[in-house]
């Protein structure tokens, strides 16, 4: 699994970095994105749906959002 810590960044930068990371990993690989921008959950989820990547889980411990994505 790949990891991407984007805490302290806001959208659209969170989505930009997530997209770039997904471009550089092979299909079938998982990516865990950690962010603290509350809009990241919706933005990343919608983008993944539009590009056929699968959201495996979203966790929100405290003020952090962890999104696990399966690249297709």
PDB file of N, CA and C in Angstrom:
ATOM      1  N   UNK A   1       0.836  -1.177   0.000  1.00  0.00           N
ATOM      2  CA  UNK A   1       0.000   0.000   0.000  1.00  0.00           C
ATOM      3  C   UNK A   1       0.882   1.241   0.000  1.00  0.00           C
ATOM      4  N   UNK A   2       0.471   2.229  -0.783  1.00  0.00           N
ATOM      5  CA  UNK A   2       1.147   3.520  -0.829  1.00  0.00           C
ATOM      6  C   UNK A   2       0.450   4.467   0.148  1.00  0.00           C
ATOM      7  N   UNK A   3       1.194   5.447   0.645  1.00  0.00           N
ATOM      8  CA  UNK A   3       0.648   6.408   1.603  1.00  0.00           C
ATOM      9  C   UNK A   3       0.929   7.820   1.118  1.00  0.00           C
ATOM     10  N   UNK A   4      -0.029   8.724   1.378  1.00  0.00           N
ATOM     11  CA  UNK A   4       0.112  10.111   0.997  1.00  0.00           C
ATOM     12  C   UNK A   4      -0.455  10.970   2.120  1.00  0.00           C
ATOM     13  N   UNK A   5       0.409  11.724   2.796  1.00  0.00           N
ATOM     14  CA  UNK A   5      -0.008  12.587   3.899  1.00  0.00           C
ATOM     15  C   UNK A   5      -0.181  14.006   3.370  1.00  0.00           C
ATOM     16  N   UNK A   6      -1.419  14.463   3.337  1.00  0.00           N
ATOM     17  CA  UNK A   6      -1.725  15.794   2.818  1.00  0.00           C
ATOM     18  C   UNK A   6      -2.299  16.705   3.896  1.00  0.00           C
ATOM     19  N   UNK A   7      -1.994  16.400   5.142  1.00  0.00           N
ATOM     20  CA  UNK A   7      -2.461  17.250   6.230  1.00  0.00           C
ATOM     21  C   UNK A   7      -1.843  18.640   6.073  1.00  0.00           C
ATOM     22  N   UNK A   8      -2.659  19.665   6.290  1.00  0.00           N
ATOM     23  CA  UNK A   8      -2.193  21.030   6.133  1.00  0.00           C
ATOM     24  C   UNK A   8      -2.435  21.597   4.744  1.00  0.00           C
ATOM     25  N   UNK A   9      -2.816  20.732   3.797  1.00  0.00           N
ATOM     26  CA  UNK A   9      -3.114  21.192   2.436  1.00  0.00           C
ATOM     27  C   UNK A   9      -4.630  21.270   2.274  1.00  0.00           C
ATOM     28  N   UNK A  10      -5.084  22.148   1.397  1.00  0.00           N
ATOM     29  CA  UNK A  10      -6.509  22.291   1.146  1.00  0.00           C
ATOM     30  C   UNK A  10      -6.813  21.962  -0.311  1.00  0.00           C
ATOM     31  N   UNK A  11      -8.065  21.630  -0.585  1.00  0.00           N
ATOM     32  CA  UNK A  11      -8.484  21.389  -1.963  1.00  0.00           C
ATOM     33  C   UNK A  11      -8.425  22.706  -2.712  1.00  0.00           C
ATOM     34  N   UNK A  12      -7.999  22.721  -3.949  1.00  0.00           N
ATOM     35  CA  UNK A  12      -7.840  21.586  -4.850  1.00  0.00           C
ATOM     36  C   UNK A  12      -6.483  20.891  -4.772  1.00  0.00           C
ATOM     37  N   UNK A  13      -5.574  21.357  -3.903  1.00  0.00           N
ATOM     38  CA  UNK A  13      -4.247  20.737  -3.819  1.00  0.00           C
ATOM     39  C   UNK A  13      -4.308  19.293  -3.332  1.00  0.00           C
ATOM     40  N   UNK A  14      -5.258  18.999  -2.443  1.00  0.00           N
ATOM     41  CA  UNK A  14      -5.406  17.626  -1.953  1.00  0.00           C
ATOM     42  C   UNK A  14      -5.749  16.701  -3.119  1.00  0.00           C
ATOM     43  N   UNK A  15      -6.695  17.104  -3.932  1.00  0.00           N
ATOM     44  CA  UNK A  15      -7.075  16.290  -5.094  1.00  0.00           C
ATOM     45  C   UNK A  15      -5.949  16.226  -6.116  1.00  0.00           C
ATOM     46  N   UNK A  16      -5.277  17.321  -6.362  1.00  0.00           N
ATOM     47  CA  UNK A  16      -4.168  17.350  -7.321  1.00  0.00           C
ATOM     48  C   UNK A  16      -3.090  16.334  -6.936  1.00  0.00           C
ATOM     49  N   UNK A  17      -2.663  16.333  -5.673  1.00  0.00           N
ATOM     50  CA  UNK A  17      -1.612  15.416  -5.226  1.00  0.00           C
ATOM     51  C   UNK A  17      -2.105  13.964  -5.224  1.00  0.00           C
ATOM     52  N   UNK A  18      -3.365  13.758  -4.875  1.00  0.00           N
ATOM     53  CA  UNK A  18      -3.934  12.404  -4.907  1.00  0.00           C
ATOM     54  C   UNK A  18      -3.936  11.872  -6.340  1.00  0.00           C
ATOM     55  N   UNK A  19      -4.386  12.699  -7.265  1.00  0.00           N
ATOM     56  CA  UNK A  19      -4.422  12.297  -8.681  1.00  0.00           C
ATOM     57  C   UNK A  19      -3.029  11.979  -9.201  1.00  0.00           C
ATOM     58  N   UNK A  20      -2.057  12.825  -8.890  1.00  0.00           N
ATOM     59  CA  UNK A  20      -0.681  12.595  -9.339  1.00  0.00           C
ATOM     60  C   UNK A  20      -0.120  11.288  -8.779  1.00  0.00           C
ATOM     61  N   UNK A  21      -0.390  11.026  -7.499  1.00  0.00           N
ATOM     62  CA  UNK A  21       0.105   9.789  -6.875  1.00  0.00           C
ATOM     63  C   UNK A  21      -0.538   8.578  -7.546  1.00  0.00           C
ATOM     64  N   UNK A  22      -1.845   8.635  -7.803  1.00  0.00           N
ATOM     65  CA  UNK A  22      -2.521   7.513  -8.454  1.00  0.00           C
ATOM     66  C   UNK A  22      -1.990   7.270  -9.862  1.00  0.00           C
ATOM     67  N   UNK A  23      -1.581   8.322 -10.559  1.00  0.00           N
ATOM     68  CA  UNK A  23      -1.008   8.155 -11.897  1.00  0.00           C
ATOM     69  C   UNK A  23       0.295   7.373 -11.857  1.00  0.00           C
ATOM     70  N   UNK A  24       0.983   7.405 -10.736  1.00  0.00           N
ATOM     71  CA  UNK A  24       2.314   6.802 -10.637  1.00  0.00           C
ATOM     72  C   UNK A  24       2.360   5.474  -9.902  1.00  0.00           C
ATOM     73  N   UNK A  25       1.196   4.894  -9.627  1.00  0.00           N
ATOM     74  CA  UNK A  25       1.187   3.558  -9.022  1.00  0.00           C
ATOM     75  C   UNK A  25       0.446   2.613  -9.968  1.00  0.00           C
ATOM     76  N   UNK A  26       0.755   1.325  -9.915  1.00  0.00           N
ATOM     77  CA  UNK A  26       0.115   0.386 -10.840  1.00  0.00           C
ATOM     78  C   UNK A  26      -1.336   0.089 -10.464  1.00  0.00           C
ATOM     79  N   UNK A  27      -2.125  -0.307 -11.454  1.00  0.00           N
ATOM     80  CA  UNK A  27      -3.497  -0.748 -11.210  1.00  0.00           C
ATOM     81  C   UNK A  27      -3.481  -1.907 -10.227  1.00  0.00           C
ATOM     82  N   UNK A  28      -4.432  -1.919  -9.322  1.00  0.00           N
ATOM     83  CA  UNK A  28      -4.506  -2.962  -8.300  1.00  0.00           C
ATOM     84  C   UNK A  28      -3.834  -2.559  -6.997  1.00  0.00           C
ATOM     85  N   UNK A  29      -3.074  -1.475  -7.011  1.00  0.00           N
ATOM     86  CA  UNK A  29      -2.391  -0.978  -5.812  1.00  0.00           C
ATOM     87  C   UNK A  29      -3.370  -0.120  -5.001  1.00  0.00           C
ATOM     88  N   UNK A  30      -3.164  -0.112  -3.686  1.00  0.00           N
ATOM     89  CA  UNK A  30      -3.978   0.716  -2.798  1.00  0.00           C
ATOM     90  C   UNK A  30      -3.206   1.967  -2.410  1.00  0.00           C
ATOM     91  N   UNK A  31      -3.957   3.046  -2.198  1.00  0.00           N
ATOM     92  CA  UNK A  31      -3.388   4.315  -1.750  1.00  0.00           C
ATOM     93  C   UNK A  31      -4.192   4.798  -0.557  1.00  0.00           C
ATOM     94  N   UNK A  32      -3.495   5.103   0.531  1.00  0.00           N
ATOM     95  CA  UNK A  32      -4.152   5.694   1.687  1.00  0.00           C
ATOM     96  C   UNK A  32      -3.790   7.176   1.749  1.00  0.00           C
ATOM     97  N   UNK A  33      -4.799   8.024   1.643  1.00  0.00           N
ATOM     98  CA  UNK A  33      -4.623   9.468   1.694  1.00  0.00           C
ATOM     99  C   UNK A  33      -5.052   9.953   3.073  1.00  0.00           C
ATOM    100  N   UNK A  34      -4.201  10.722   3.723  1.00  0.00           N
ATOM    101  CA  UNK A  34      -4.523  11.331   5.005  1.00  0.00           C
ATOM    102  C   UNK A  34      -4.605  12.834   4.797  1.00  0.00           C
ATOM    103  N   UNK A  35      -5.734  13.422   5.189  1.00  0.00           N
ATOM    104  CA  UNK A  35      -5.942  14.852   5.010  1.00  0.00           C
ATOM    105  C   UNK A  35      -6.702  15.405   6.203  1.00  0.00           C
ATOM    106  N   UNK A  36      -6.658  16.727   6.351  1.00  0.00           N
ATOM    107  CA  UNK A  36      -7.459  17.357   7.406  1.00  0.00           C
ATOM    108  C   UNK A  36      -8.390  18.439   6.855  1.00  0.00           C
ATOM    109  N   UNK A  37      -8.440  18.578   5.535  1.00  0.00           N
ATOM    110  CA  UNK A  37      -9.390  19.486   4.903  1.00  0.00           C
ATOM    111  C   UNK A  37     -10.731  18.754   4.807  1.00  0.00           C
ATOM    112  N   UNK A  38     -11.788  19.267   5.448  1.00  0.00           N
ATOM    113  CA  UNK A  38     -13.072  18.552   5.448  1.00  0.00           C
ATOM    114  C   UNK A  38     -13.675  18.343   4.063  1.00  0.00           C
ATOM    115  N   UNK A  39     -13.290  19.139   3.070  1.00  0.00           N
ATOM    116  CA  UNK A  39     -13.835  18.948   1.720  1.00  0.00           C
ATOM    117  C   UNK A  39     -13.161  17.787   0.984  1.00  0.00           C
ATOM    118  N   UNK A  40     -12.049  17.301   1.500  1.00  0.00           N
ATOM    119  CA  UNK A  40     -11.296  16.234   0.822  1.00  0.00           C
ATOM    120  C   UNK A  40     -12.128  14.974   0.652  1.00  0.00           C
ATOM    121  N   UNK A  41     -12.905  14.627   1.645  1.00  0.00           N
ATOM    122  CA  UNK A  41     -13.707  13.397   1.588  1.00  0.00           C
ATOM    123  C   UNK A  41     -14.640  13.412   0.378  1.00  0.00           C
ATOM    124  N   UNK A  42     -15.362  14.480   0.192  1.00  0.00           N
ATOM    125  CA  UNK A  42     -16.307  14.571  -0.922  1.00  0.00           C
ATOM    126  C   UNK A  42     -15.576  14.702  -2.258  1.00  0.00           C
ATOM    127  N   UNK A  43     -14.586  15.566  -2.308  1.00  0.00           N
ATOM    128  CA  UNK A  43     -13.870  15.829  -3.556  1.00  0.00           C
ATOM    129  C   UNK A  43     -13.174  14.574  -4.078  1.00  0.00           C
ATOM    130  N   UNK A  44     -12.430  13.890  -3.208  1.00  0.00           N
ATOM    131  CA  UNK A  44     -11.708  12.683  -3.624  1.00  0.00           C
ATOM    132  C   UNK A  44     -12.679  11.570  -3.981  1.00  0.00           C
ATOM    133  N   UNK A  45     -13.743  11.404  -3.192  1.00  0.00           N
ATOM    134  CA  UNK A  45     -14.734  10.357  -3.479  1.00  0.00           C
ATOM    135  C   UNK A  45     -15.380  10.560  -4.838  1.00  0.00           C
ATOM    136  N   UNK A  46     -15.796  11.784  -5.137  1.00  0.00           N
ATOM    137  CA  UNK A  46     -16.435  12.061  -6.423  1.00  0.00           C
ATOM    138  C   UNK A  46     -15.464  11.871  -7.585  1.00  0.00           C
ATOM    139  N   UNK A  47     -14.226  12.319  -7.419  1.00  0.00           N
ATOM    140  CA  UNK A  47     -13.231  12.161  -8.480  1.00  0.00           C
ATOM    141  C   UNK A  47     -12.945  10.680  -8.736  1.00  0.00           C
ATOM    142  N   UNK A  48     -12.820   9.904  -7.662  1.00  0.00           N
ATOM    143  CA  UNK A  48     -12.558   8.466  -7.816  1.00  0.00           C
ATOM    144  C   UNK A  48     -13.708   7.774  -8.539  1.00  0.00           C
ATOM    145  N   UNK A  49     -14.943   8.099  -8.188  1.00  0.00           N
ATOM    146  CA  UNK A  49     -16.090   7.519  -8.872  1.00  0.00           C
ATOM    147  C   UNK A  49     -16.054   7.846 -10.363  1.00  0.00           C
ATOM    148  N   UNK A  50     -15.759   9.096 -10.696  1.00  0.00           N
ATOM    149  CA  UNK A  50     -15.726   9.531 -12.092  1.00  0.00           C
ATOM    150  C   UNK A  50     -14.617   8.848 -12.886  1.00  0.00           C
ATOM    151  N   UNK A  51     -13.528   8.455 -12.193  1.00  0.00           N
ATOM    152  CA  UNK A  51     -12.391   7.833 -12.873  1.00  0.00           C
ATOM    153  C   UNK A  51     -12.273   6.340 -12.581  1.00  0.00           C
ATOM    154  N   UNK A  52     -13.335   5.779 -12.040  1.00  0.00           N
ATOM    155  CA  UNK A  52     -13.478   4.330 -11.824  1.00  0.00           C
ATOM    156  C   UNK A  52     -12.472   3.725 -10.846  1.00  0.00           C
ATOM    157  N   UNK A  53     -11.996   4.541  -9.903  1.00  0.00           N
ATOM    158  CA  UNK A  53     -11.201   3.998  -8.805  1.00  0.00           C
ATOM    159  C   UNK A  53     -12.157   3.708  -7.661  1.00  0.00           C
ATOM    160  N   UNK A  54     -11.818   2.754  -6.827  1.00  0.00           N
ATOM    161  CA  UNK A  54     -12.727   2.313  -5.772  1.00  0.00           C
ATOM    162  C   UNK A  54     -12.294   2.852  -4.406  1.00  0.00           C
ATOM    163  N   UNK A  55     -13.231   3.465  -3.708  1.00  0.00           N
ATOM    164  CA  UNK A  55     -12.991   3.880  -2.328  1.00  0.00           C
ATOM    165  C   UNK A  55     -13.253   2.655  -1.457  1.00  0.00           C
ATOM    166  N   UNK A  56     -12.221   2.140  -0.812  1.00  0.00           N
ATOM    167  CA  UNK A  56     -12.374   0.962   0.036  1.00  0.00           C
ATOM    168  C   UNK A  56     -12.893   1.319   1.423  1.00  0.00           C
ATOM    169  N   UNK A  57     -12.392   2.442   1.961  1.00  0.00           N
ATOM    170  CA  UNK A  57     -12.918   2.882   3.255  1.00  0.00           C
ATOM    171  C   UNK A  57     -12.527   4.330   3.498  1.00  0.00           C
ATOM    172  N   UNK A  58     -13.337   4.958   4.338  1.00  0.00           N
ATOM    173  CA  UNK A  58     -13.076   6.315   4.802  1.00  0.00           C
ATOM    174  C   UNK A  58     -13.187   6.290   6.313  1.00  0.00           C
ATOM    175  N   UNK A  59     -12.114   6.703   6.970  1.00  0.00           N
ATOM    176  CA  UNK A  59     -12.097   6.767   8.429  1.00  0.00           C
ATOM    177  C   UNK A  59     -11.893   8.219   8.832  1.00  0.00           C
ATOM    178  N   UNK A  60     -12.504   8.604   9.940  1.00  0.00           N
ATOM    179  CA  UNK A  60     -12.366   9.975  10.408  1.00  0.00           C
ATOM    180  C   UNK A  60     -12.026  10.013  11.895  1.00  0.00           C
ATOM    181  N   UNK A  61     -10.816   9.573  12.259  1.00  0.00           N
ATOM    182  CA  UNK A  61     -10.410   9.655  13.665  1.00  0.00           C
ATOM    183  C   UNK A  61     -10.030  11.097  14.021  1.00  0.00           C
ATOM    184  N   UNK A  62     -10.787  11.707  14.904  1.00  0.00           N
ATOM    185  CA  UNK A  62     -10.489  13.091  15.285  1.00  0.00           C
ATOM    186  C   UNK A  62     -10.714  14.037  14.129  1.00  0.00           C
ATOM    187  N   UNK A  63      -9.750  14.900  13.879  1.00  0.00           N
ATOM    188  CA  UNK A  63      -9.855  15.891  12.807  1.00  0.00           C
ATOM    189  C   UNK A  63      -9.174  15.436  11.530  1.00  0.00           C
ATOM    190  N   UNK A  64      -8.848  14.153  11.438  1.00  0.00           N
ATOM    191  CA  UNK A  64      -8.129  13.618  10.282  1.00  0.00           C
ATOM    192  C   UNK A  64      -9.075  12.745   9.467  1.00  0.00           C
ATOM    193  N   UNK A  65      -8.895  12.779   8.173  1.00  0.00           N
ATOM    194  CA  UNK A  65      -9.667  11.922   7.256  1.00  0.00           C
ATOM    195  C   UNK A  65      -8.685  10.983   6.582  1.00  0.00           C
ATOM    196  N   UNK A  66      -8.944   9.673   6.663  1.00  0.00           N
ATOM    197  CA  UNK A  66      -8.130   8.671   5.971  1.00  0.00           C
ATOM    198  C   UNK A  66      -8.983   7.997   4.927  1.00  0.00           C
ATOM    199  N   UNK A  67      -8.551   8.106   3.679  1.00  0.00           N
ATOM    200  CA  UNK A  67      -9.300   7.538   2.557  1.00  0.00           C
ATOM    201  C   UNK A  67      -8.420   6.484   1.896  1.00  0.00           C
ATOM    202  N   UNK A  68      -8.917   5.267   1.835  1.00  0.00           N
ATOM    203  CA  UNK A  68      -8.181   4.185   1.179  1.00  0.00           C
ATOM    204  C   UNK A  68      -8.802   3.947  -0.182  1.00  0.00           C
ATOM    205  N   UNK A  69      -7.969   4.051  -1.213  1.00  0.00           N
ATOM    206  CA  UNK A  69      -8.409   3.962  -2.606  1.00  0.00           C
ATOM    207  C   UNK A  69      -7.745   2.756  -3.266  1.00  0.00           C
ATOM    208  N   UNK A  70      -8.519   2.022  -4.058  1.00  0.00           N
ATOM    209  CA  UNK A  70      -7.973   0.953  -4.893  1.00  0.00           C
ATOM    210  C   UNK A  70      -7.939   1.471  -6.322  1.00  0.00           C
ATOM    211  N   UNK A  71      -6.747   1.540  -6.899  1.00  0.00           N
ATOM    212  CA  UNK A  71      -6.619   2.021  -8.275  1.00  0.00           C
ATOM    213  C   UNK A  71      -7.045   0.933  -9.247  1.00  0.00           C
ATOM    214  N   UNK A  72      -7.881   1.306 -10.192  1.00  0.00           N
ATOM    215  CA  UNK A  72      -8.314   0.373 -11.255  1.00  0.00           C
ATOM    216  C   UNK A  72      -7.675   0.752 -12.563  1.00  0.00           C
TER     217      UNK A  72
END
